[in-house]
């Protein structure tokens, strides 16, 4: 934050880092992990039908790898959220 007419920058920091970390982790889980887990399988299935070029195969592999990472994260993030709740 800057005061009008001043060159100084004032920074504010969240005082309860555990709560903020928990909030961010929950949002990521709900908005990225769960939504991706629902949407990606149909995208992958549709893409597999239409893959023709080497570039398309590479792009499909990237999406498949991302989906596998989402599945892995889905098992880890709830545990991390639970640990953060216990530490509060």
Protein backbone atom coordinates (compact mmCIF):
# COMPACT_ATOMS: atom_id res chain seq x y z
CA UNK A 1 0.00 0.00 0.00
CA UNK A 2 1.25 3.51 -0.78
CA UNK A 3 0.24 6.76 0.83
CA UNK A 4 -0.68 9.48 -1.66
CA UNK A 5 2.36 11.56 -2.60
CA UNK A 6 4.79 9.17 -0.93
CA UNK A 7 7.34 6.85 -2.50
CA UNK A 8 7.25 4.55 0.52
CA UNK A 9 5.53 1.19 0.20
CA UNK A 10 3.80 -0.24 3.26
CA UNK A 11 3.37 -4.00 3.48
CA UNK A 12 0.86 -5.85 5.59
CA UNK A 13 1.19 -9.49 6.50
CA UNK A 14 -1.37 -12.04 7.61
CA UNK A 15 -0.76 -12.64 11.29
CA UNK A 16 -2.22 -16.14 11.42
CA UNK A 17 -0.26 -18.00 8.75
CA UNK A 18 -1.74 -21.39 9.72
CA UNK A 19 -5.29 -20.20 9.08
CA UNK A 20 -4.32 -18.58 5.80
CA UNK A 21 -2.46 -21.72 4.67
CA UNK A 22 -5.48 -23.84 5.56
CA UNK A 23 -7.81 -21.51 3.68
CA UNK A 24 -5.61 -21.54 0.57
CA UNK A 25 -5.22 -25.31 0.67
CA UNK A 26 -8.98 -25.82 0.95
CA UNK A 27 -9.64 -23.45 -1.96
CA UNK A 28 -7.08 -25.22 -4.12
CA UNK A 29 -8.58 -28.59 -3.27
CA UNK A 30 -12.13 -27.46 -4.10
CA UNK A 31 -11.42 -25.25 -7.12
CA UNK A 32 -8.60 -27.12 -8.82
CA UNK A 33 -8.34 -30.71 -7.66
CA UNK A 34 -12.00 -31.68 -7.49
CA UNK A 35 -13.04 -29.79 -10.61
CA UNK A 36 -10.14 -31.15 -12.65
CA UNK A 37 -10.90 -34.68 -11.49
CA UNK A 38 -14.43 -34.32 -12.85
CA UNK A 39 -13.64 -32.58 -16.14
CA UNK A 40 -10.38 -34.17 -17.29
CA UNK A 41 -11.51 -37.78 -17.88
CA UNK A 42 -14.05 -36.74 -20.52
CA UNK A 43 -11.51 -34.44 -22.17
CA UNK A 44 -8.93 -37.23 -22.27
CA UNK A 45 -11.46 -39.71 -23.65
CA UNK A 46 -12.51 -37.31 -26.41
CA UNK A 47 -8.93 -36.42 -27.28
CA UNK A 48 -7.92 -40.09 -27.55
CA UNK A 49 -10.52 -40.51 -30.30
CA UNK A 50 -9.12 -37.60 -32.35
CA UNK A 51 -5.35 -37.93 -31.89
CA UNK A 52 -3.61 -38.07 -35.26
CA UNK A 53 -0.32 -36.19 -35.18
CA UNK A 54 2.74 -36.62 -32.99
CA UNK A 55 2.17 -33.18 -31.51
CA UNK A 56 -1.37 -34.16 -30.51
CA UNK A 57 -0.01 -37.33 -28.88
CA UNK A 58 2.46 -35.24 -26.88
CA UNK A 59 -0.26 -32.83 -25.81
CA UNK A 60 -2.50 -35.72 -24.77
CA UNK A 61 0.35 -37.18 -22.73
CA UNK A 62 0.74 -33.84 -20.94
CA UNK A 63 -2.96 -33.80 -20.07
CA UNK A 64 -2.84 -37.45 -18.92
CA UNK A 65 0.20 -36.75 -16.75
CA UNK A 66 -1.55 -33.73 -15.23
CA UNK A 67 -4.61 -35.87 -14.48
CA UNK A 68 -2.41 -38.45 -12.73
CA UNK A 69 -0.88 -35.66 -10.65
CA UNK A 70 -4.38 -34.46 -9.73
CA UNK A 71 -5.29 -37.97 -8.55
CA UNK A 72 -2.13 -38.11 -6.47
CA UNK A 73 -2.73 -34.64 -5.01
CA UNK A 74 -6.28 -35.63 -4.13
CA UNK A 75 -4.92 -38.19 -1.69
CA UNK A 76 -2.31 -35.84 -0.19
CA UNK A 77 -4.09 -32.51 0.21
CA UNK A 78 -6.88 -33.69 2.56
CA UNK A 79 -4.19 -35.11 4.86
CA UNK A 80 -2.36 -31.78 4.79
CA UNK A 81 -5.61 -29.93 5.55
CA UNK A 82 -6.24 -32.23 8.50
CA UNK A 83 -2.72 -31.62 9.84
CA UNK A 84 -3.15 -27.86 9.53
CA UNK A 85 -6.49 -28.02 11.38
CA UNK A 86 -4.87 -29.97 14.22
CA UNK A 87 -2.07 -27.36 14.50
CA UNK A 88 -4.51 -24.46 14.89
